[in-house]
Each structure stands twice: as C-alpha cells, then as structure tokens.
N, C-alpha and C. Protein backbone atom coordinates (compact mmCIF):
# COMPACT_ATOMS: atom_id res chain seq x y z
N MET A 1 0.85 -1.17 0.00
CA MET A 1 0.00 0.00 0.00
C MET A 1 0.90 1.24 0.00
N ASP A 2 0.66 2.16 -0.94
CA ASP A 2 1.50 3.34 -1.09
C ASP A 2 1.08 4.51 -0.21
N TYR A 3 -0.16 4.50 0.26
CA TYR A 3 -0.65 5.64 1.03
C TYR A 3 -1.72 5.19 2.01
N ASP A 4 -2.00 6.06 2.98
CA ASP A 4 -3.06 5.85 3.94
C ASP A 4 -3.82 7.17 4.04
N ILE A 5 -5.13 7.10 4.22
CA ILE A 5 -5.95 8.31 4.30
C ILE A 5 -6.43 8.48 5.73
N ASP A 6 -6.15 9.64 6.31
CA ASP A 6 -6.67 10.01 7.62
C ASP A 6 -7.93 10.84 7.38
N TYR A 7 -9.09 10.19 7.43
CA TYR A 7 -10.35 10.84 7.11
C TYR A 7 -10.72 11.92 8.11
N LEU A 8 -10.35 11.73 9.37
CA LEU A 8 -10.69 12.70 10.40
C LEU A 8 -9.98 14.03 10.17
N GLN A 9 -8.70 14.00 9.79
CA GLN A 9 -7.94 15.23 9.57
C GLN A 9 -7.89 15.64 8.09
N GLY A 10 -8.39 14.79 7.20
CA GLY A 10 -8.35 15.12 5.78
C GLY A 10 -6.95 15.10 5.22
N ARG A 11 -6.15 14.10 5.58
CA ARG A 11 -4.75 14.02 5.14
C ARG A 11 -4.48 12.74 4.39
N VAL A 12 -3.59 12.82 3.39
CA VAL A 12 -3.08 11.65 2.69
C VAL A 12 -1.67 11.44 3.20
N LEU A 13 -1.41 10.27 3.78
CA LEU A 13 -0.10 9.95 4.33
C LEU A 13 0.59 8.94 3.42
N LEU A 14 1.72 9.34 2.85
CA LEU A 14 2.48 8.46 1.96
C LEU A 14 3.36 7.52 2.75
N SER A 15 3.51 6.28 2.28
CA SER A 15 4.36 5.32 2.98
C SER A 15 5.84 5.60 2.74
N GLN A 16 6.18 6.31 1.64
CA GLN A 16 7.55 6.71 1.35
C GLN A 16 7.53 8.14 0.84
N PRO A 17 8.63 8.88 0.98
CA PRO A 17 8.67 10.26 0.47
C PRO A 17 8.45 10.28 -1.05
N LEU A 18 7.76 11.30 -1.51
CA LEU A 18 7.52 11.49 -2.94
C LEU A 18 8.76 12.07 -3.58
N SER A 19 9.26 11.43 -4.62
CA SER A 19 10.43 11.93 -5.33
C SER A 19 10.07 13.22 -6.06
N SER A 20 11.02 14.15 -6.13
CA SER A 20 10.75 15.42 -6.82
C SER A 20 10.84 15.28 -8.33
N THR A 21 11.41 14.18 -8.83
CA THR A 21 11.50 13.96 -10.28
C THR A 21 11.12 12.53 -10.62
N ALA A 22 10.71 12.35 -11.88
CA ALA A 22 10.43 11.02 -12.43
C ALA A 22 11.40 10.79 -13.57
N ASN A 23 11.87 9.58 -13.73
CA ASN A 23 12.88 9.26 -14.74
C ASN A 23 12.37 9.59 -16.15
N ASP A 24 13.19 10.33 -16.92
CA ASP A 24 12.81 10.66 -18.29
C ASP A 24 13.61 9.86 -19.32
N ASN A 25 14.52 8.98 -18.87
CA ASN A 25 15.32 8.11 -19.73
C ASN A 25 16.16 8.86 -20.76
N LEU A 26 16.62 10.06 -20.42
CA LEU A 26 17.49 10.83 -21.32
C LEU A 26 18.93 10.73 -20.84
N LEU A 27 19.88 10.74 -21.79
CA LEU A 27 21.29 10.66 -21.45
C LEU A 27 21.87 12.03 -21.09
N VAL A 28 21.35 13.09 -21.70
CA VAL A 28 21.88 14.43 -21.49
C VAL A 28 20.92 15.21 -20.59
N ARG A 29 21.50 15.88 -19.58
CA ARG A 29 20.70 16.69 -18.67
C ARG A 29 20.78 18.15 -19.05
N THR A 30 19.68 18.88 -18.90
CA THR A 30 19.69 20.31 -19.15
C THR A 30 19.70 21.11 -17.85
N SER A 31 19.61 20.43 -16.71
CA SER A 31 19.65 21.11 -15.42
C SER A 31 20.32 20.20 -14.40
N GLY A 32 20.36 20.65 -13.15
CA GLY A 32 20.99 19.87 -12.09
C GLY A 32 20.23 18.62 -11.73
N LEU A 33 18.93 18.60 -11.96
CA LEU A 33 18.11 17.43 -11.67
C LEU A 33 17.84 16.66 -12.95
N SER A 34 17.86 15.35 -12.86
CA SER A 34 17.58 14.50 -14.01
C SER A 34 16.13 14.02 -13.93
N GLY A 35 15.38 14.23 -15.01
CA GLY A 35 14.01 13.74 -15.05
C GLY A 35 12.99 14.86 -15.10
N ASP A 36 11.73 14.44 -15.18
CA ASP A 36 10.62 15.37 -15.20
C ASP A 36 10.14 15.61 -13.77
N GLU A 37 9.62 16.80 -13.51
CA GLU A 37 9.08 17.10 -12.19
C GLU A 37 7.88 16.21 -11.90
N ALA A 38 7.79 15.72 -10.67
CA ALA A 38 6.69 14.84 -10.27
C ALA A 38 5.80 15.57 -9.28
N TYR A 39 4.48 15.39 -9.43
CA TYR A 39 3.50 16.04 -8.56
C TYR A 39 2.53 15.00 -8.03
N LEU A 40 2.03 15.25 -6.84
CA LEU A 40 0.97 14.44 -6.26
C LEU A 40 -0.31 15.26 -6.35
N VAL A 41 -1.30 14.75 -7.07
CA VAL A 41 -2.57 15.44 -7.27
C VAL A 41 -3.66 14.64 -6.56
N VAL A 42 -4.43 15.33 -5.72
CA VAL A 42 -5.48 14.67 -4.94
C VAL A 42 -6.78 15.44 -5.14
N ARG A 43 -7.86 14.73 -5.37
CA ARG A 43 -9.19 15.34 -5.43
C ARG A 43 -9.98 14.89 -4.24
N TYR A 44 -10.72 15.80 -3.67
CA TYR A 44 -11.54 15.49 -2.50
C TYR A 44 -12.95 15.98 -2.75
N GLU A 45 -13.92 15.16 -2.44
CA GLU A 45 -15.31 15.54 -2.64
C GLU A 45 -16.12 15.06 -1.45
N TYR A 46 -17.03 15.89 -1.01
CA TYR A 46 -17.92 15.55 0.09
C TYR A 46 -19.35 15.62 -0.42
N THR A 47 -20.08 14.55 -0.29
CA THR A 47 -21.48 14.51 -0.69
C THR A 47 -22.30 14.23 0.55
N PRO A 48 -23.08 15.20 1.04
CA PRO A 48 -23.78 15.01 2.31
C PRO A 48 -24.95 14.06 2.25
N GLY A 49 -25.58 13.85 1.10
CA GLY A 49 -26.77 13.01 1.05
C GLY A 49 -28.01 13.83 1.34
N PHE A 50 -29.15 13.29 1.04
CA PHE A 50 -30.40 14.04 1.16
C PHE A 50 -30.83 14.26 2.60
N GLU A 51 -30.42 13.41 3.52
CA GLU A 51 -30.83 13.59 4.90
C GLU A 51 -30.02 14.67 5.61
N LYS A 52 -28.93 15.17 5.01
CA LYS A 52 -28.09 16.19 5.65
C LYS A 52 -27.99 17.44 4.78
N LEU A 53 -29.05 17.83 4.12
CA LEU A 53 -29.01 19.01 3.26
C LEU A 53 -28.77 20.30 4.04
N ASP A 54 -29.07 20.30 5.35
CA ASP A 54 -28.83 21.51 6.13
C ASP A 54 -27.34 21.75 6.39
N GLN A 55 -26.46 20.81 6.04
CA GLN A 55 -25.03 20.98 6.23
C GLN A 55 -24.32 21.46 4.97
N VAL A 56 -25.06 21.75 3.93
CA VAL A 56 -24.46 22.23 2.68
C VAL A 56 -24.27 23.74 2.77
N ALA A 57 -23.10 24.21 2.38
CA ALA A 57 -22.81 25.65 2.37
C ALA A 57 -23.33 26.26 1.07
N ILE A 58 -23.89 27.43 1.18
CA ILE A 58 -24.41 28.15 0.02
C ILE A 58 -23.74 29.52 0.01
N GLY A 59 -23.28 29.94 -1.14
CA GLY A 59 -22.64 31.25 -1.20
C GLY A 59 -22.43 31.70 -2.63
N GLY A 60 -21.88 32.88 -2.75
CA GLY A 60 -21.62 33.41 -4.07
C GLY A 60 -20.74 34.65 -4.01
N GLN A 61 -20.19 35.01 -5.15
CA GLN A 61 -19.35 36.18 -5.26
C GLN A 61 -19.66 36.85 -6.58
N ALA A 62 -19.77 38.18 -6.57
CA ALA A 62 -20.06 38.92 -7.80
C ALA A 62 -19.34 40.26 -7.76
N HIS A 63 -19.00 40.76 -8.92
CA HIS A 63 -18.44 42.10 -9.00
C HIS A 63 -18.99 42.79 -10.25
N TYR A 64 -18.97 44.12 -10.21
CA TYR A 64 -19.51 44.90 -11.32
C TYR A 64 -18.69 46.18 -11.46
N TRP A 65 -18.27 46.46 -12.69
CA TRP A 65 -17.58 47.71 -12.98
C TRP A 65 -18.64 48.79 -13.17
N LEU A 66 -18.67 49.78 -12.28
CA LEU A 66 -19.62 50.88 -12.38
C LEU A 66 -19.26 51.80 -13.54
N ASN A 67 -17.96 51.95 -13.79
CA ASN A 67 -17.45 52.67 -14.96
C ASN A 67 -16.04 52.14 -15.22
N ASP A 68 -15.23 52.85 -15.98
CA ASP A 68 -13.89 52.36 -16.30
C ASP A 68 -12.93 52.42 -15.11
N TYR A 69 -13.32 53.07 -14.03
CA TYR A 69 -12.40 53.32 -12.92
C TYR A 69 -12.85 52.76 -11.57
N VAL A 70 -14.10 52.32 -11.43
CA VAL A 70 -14.62 51.88 -10.14
C VAL A 70 -15.30 50.51 -10.29
N ARG A 71 -14.86 49.56 -9.44
CA ARG A 71 -15.47 48.23 -9.42
C ARG A 71 -15.93 47.92 -8.01
N LEU A 72 -17.13 47.38 -7.86
CA LEU A 72 -17.70 47.00 -6.58
C LEU A 72 -17.88 45.48 -6.57
N GLY A 73 -17.47 44.83 -5.50
CA GLY A 73 -17.61 43.38 -5.38
C GLY A 73 -18.27 43.00 -4.07
N LEU A 74 -19.08 41.95 -4.09
CA LEU A 74 -19.76 41.44 -2.90
C LEU A 74 -19.58 39.94 -2.81
N THR A 75 -19.44 39.43 -1.59
CA THR A 75 -19.30 38.00 -1.35
C THR A 75 -20.17 37.63 -0.16
N ALA A 76 -20.85 36.49 -0.25
CA ALA A 76 -21.67 36.01 0.87
C ALA A 76 -21.60 34.49 0.91
N ASP A 77 -21.63 33.95 2.12
CA ASP A 77 -21.60 32.50 2.31
C ASP A 77 -22.40 32.19 3.57
N SER A 78 -23.17 31.12 3.54
CA SER A 78 -23.96 30.73 4.69
C SER A 78 -23.96 29.22 4.80
N ASN A 79 -23.78 28.73 6.01
CA ASN A 79 -23.80 27.30 6.27
C ASN A 79 -24.61 27.08 7.53
N GLU A 80 -25.70 26.36 7.42
CA GLU A 80 -26.55 26.05 8.57
C GLU A 80 -26.29 24.61 8.99
N GLY A 81 -26.80 24.23 10.12
CA GLY A 81 -26.62 22.86 10.60
C GLY A 81 -25.79 22.83 11.86
N ASP A 82 -24.99 21.75 12.04
CA ASP A 82 -24.19 21.58 13.25
C ASP A 82 -23.16 22.69 13.43
N SER A 83 -22.57 23.16 12.35
CA SER A 83 -21.54 24.20 12.43
C SER A 83 -21.98 25.43 11.65
N ALA A 84 -23.07 26.05 12.09
CA ALA A 84 -23.63 27.20 11.38
C ALA A 84 -22.62 28.33 11.34
N SER A 85 -22.46 28.93 10.17
CA SER A 85 -21.53 30.05 10.01
C SER A 85 -22.03 30.95 8.89
N ASN A 86 -21.62 32.20 8.95
CA ASN A 86 -21.97 33.18 7.93
C ASN A 86 -20.74 34.01 7.61
N LEU A 87 -20.64 34.42 6.36
CA LEU A 87 -19.56 35.27 5.91
C LEU A 87 -20.14 36.33 4.98
N ALA A 88 -19.76 37.57 5.18
CA ALA A 88 -20.16 38.66 4.29
C ALA A 88 -18.93 39.51 4.02
N ALA A 89 -18.73 39.89 2.76
CA ALA A 89 -17.55 40.68 2.41
C ALA A 89 -17.90 41.62 1.26
N ALA A 90 -17.14 42.71 1.19
CA ALA A 90 -17.30 43.67 0.10
C ALA A 90 -15.92 44.20 -0.27
N ASP A 91 -15.75 44.54 -1.52
CA ASP A 91 -14.50 45.16 -1.95
C ASP A 91 -14.78 46.26 -2.96
N LEU A 92 -13.90 47.24 -2.96
CA LEU A 92 -14.00 48.38 -3.85
C LEU A 92 -12.65 48.57 -4.50
N THR A 93 -12.62 48.59 -5.83
CA THR A 93 -11.38 48.78 -6.57
C THR A 93 -11.47 50.11 -7.32
N LEU A 94 -10.46 50.95 -7.11
CA LEU A 94 -10.34 52.21 -7.82
C LEU A 94 -9.15 52.09 -8.76
N ARG A 95 -9.37 52.24 -10.05
CA ARG A 95 -8.32 52.05 -11.05
C ARG A 95 -7.99 53.37 -11.72
N LYS A 96 -6.70 53.72 -11.68
CA LYS A 96 -6.23 54.93 -12.37
C LYS A 96 -5.82 54.59 -13.80
N SER A 97 -5.14 53.43 -13.95
CA SER A 97 -4.72 52.94 -15.27
C SER A 97 -4.66 51.42 -15.19
N ALA A 98 -4.24 50.79 -16.27
CA ALA A 98 -4.15 49.32 -16.28
C ALA A 98 -3.12 48.81 -15.27
N ASN A 99 -2.12 49.62 -14.95
CA ASN A 99 -1.05 49.20 -14.04
C ASN A 99 -1.11 49.89 -12.68
N SER A 100 -2.12 50.70 -12.42
CA SER A 100 -2.20 51.46 -11.18
C SER A 100 -3.62 51.40 -10.64
N TRP A 101 -3.78 50.77 -9.45
CA TRP A 101 -5.09 50.64 -8.85
C TRP A 101 -4.97 50.53 -7.34
N PHE A 102 -6.07 50.76 -6.65
CA PHE A 102 -6.16 50.69 -5.19
C PHE A 102 -7.38 49.83 -4.86
N LYS A 103 -7.21 48.86 -3.96
CA LYS A 103 -8.31 47.97 -3.61
C LYS A 103 -8.53 48.00 -2.11
N LEU A 104 -9.77 48.18 -1.71
CA LEU A 104 -10.18 48.20 -0.31
C LEU A 104 -11.13 47.04 -0.09
N GLN A 105 -10.85 46.23 0.96
CA GLN A 105 -11.67 45.06 1.24
C GLN A 105 -12.10 45.07 2.70
N THR A 106 -13.28 44.56 2.97
CA THR A 106 -13.75 44.37 4.33
C THR A 106 -14.59 43.09 4.38
N ALA A 107 -14.59 42.45 5.54
CA ALA A 107 -15.35 41.20 5.68
C ALA A 107 -15.74 41.02 7.14
N ALA A 108 -16.80 40.28 7.35
CA ALA A 108 -17.23 39.91 8.70
C ALA A 108 -17.66 38.45 8.66
N ALA A 109 -17.29 37.70 9.68
CA ALA A 109 -17.63 36.28 9.73
C ALA A 109 -18.18 35.95 11.11
N ARG A 110 -19.10 34.98 11.14
CA ARG A 110 -19.65 34.51 12.40
C ARG A 110 -19.72 33.00 12.34
N SER A 111 -19.19 32.35 13.37
CA SER A 111 -19.24 30.90 13.45
C SER A 111 -19.35 30.50 14.91
N PRO A 112 -19.61 29.22 15.20
CA PRO A 112 -19.71 28.79 16.60
C PRO A 112 -18.40 28.97 17.38
N LEU A 113 -17.27 28.99 16.67
CA LEU A 113 -15.99 29.09 17.34
C LEU A 113 -15.61 30.53 17.65
N SER A 114 -16.05 31.48 16.83
CA SER A 114 -15.66 32.86 17.07
C SER A 114 -16.66 33.82 16.48
N LEU A 115 -16.75 34.97 17.08
CA LEU A 115 -17.51 36.08 16.52
C LEU A 115 -16.48 37.15 16.20
N ALA A 116 -16.23 37.36 14.90
CA ALA A 116 -15.11 38.24 14.55
C ALA A 116 -15.44 39.08 13.35
N ALA A 117 -14.82 40.22 13.28
CA ALA A 117 -14.84 41.06 12.07
C ALA A 117 -13.42 41.05 11.53
N ILE A 118 -13.30 40.77 10.26
CA ILE A 118 -11.98 40.65 9.64
C ILE A 118 -11.60 41.98 9.02
C-alpha cells in the first residue's frame, strides 16, 4: 500500500517520500536534476446526502464595474446545521490605469468558534 488516508484530519499519508522527479530516460541533462518534475494530485469531494441538506454551504461572489475606474464586489456564504456560520464581504477597486489601482476590502464572519470582524 502506497498511502493511507486520515479521514478525520483530511490528510493523505504516503508510505515513502515522494520523489521530486520522475525518470525521463534521457542521457543528457539540461539542469541539475535529471528527469521530469513529479506532482501528487489529490481530489476530495464531500457529498452530504439528502438527509443532511442543512449541512451544505451556500454562497456566491459577484463584482460589477460601475465605470472604467470603479469596481464593486460582494461575497456572501452561509452554512446552517451543526456548524452554522456566515460570511459577508465587500471590496471596492479604484483604477487609475491598467497598471495602477487601489483595492479596499472588508469582511465579517460569524461561526460557533468565534464572533469576529476581519
């Protein structure tokens, strides 16, 4: 077995260290390392089922350019159930040119663990 999954912490534990390169079978090297770079790619999906629909998070993010120089953005997220939490955020971007802009962001979050303004 090459790996073990810790479902409680959401971790993949490898039985051996992952090599940074994979053999490319070339005789001449163009850099200090021989081979192609190797990556570990993991996908994770959680499906709550129909009896736990109250544990699904719902949210969205949108932005709109009011004109060529001002953009307004809003973000909201809500999760009800055992770990009810809410997030609300807004951002304002002021653009002078394509390479010069100023962005102001604010957010507030509420969860069972903390009541905080970010």
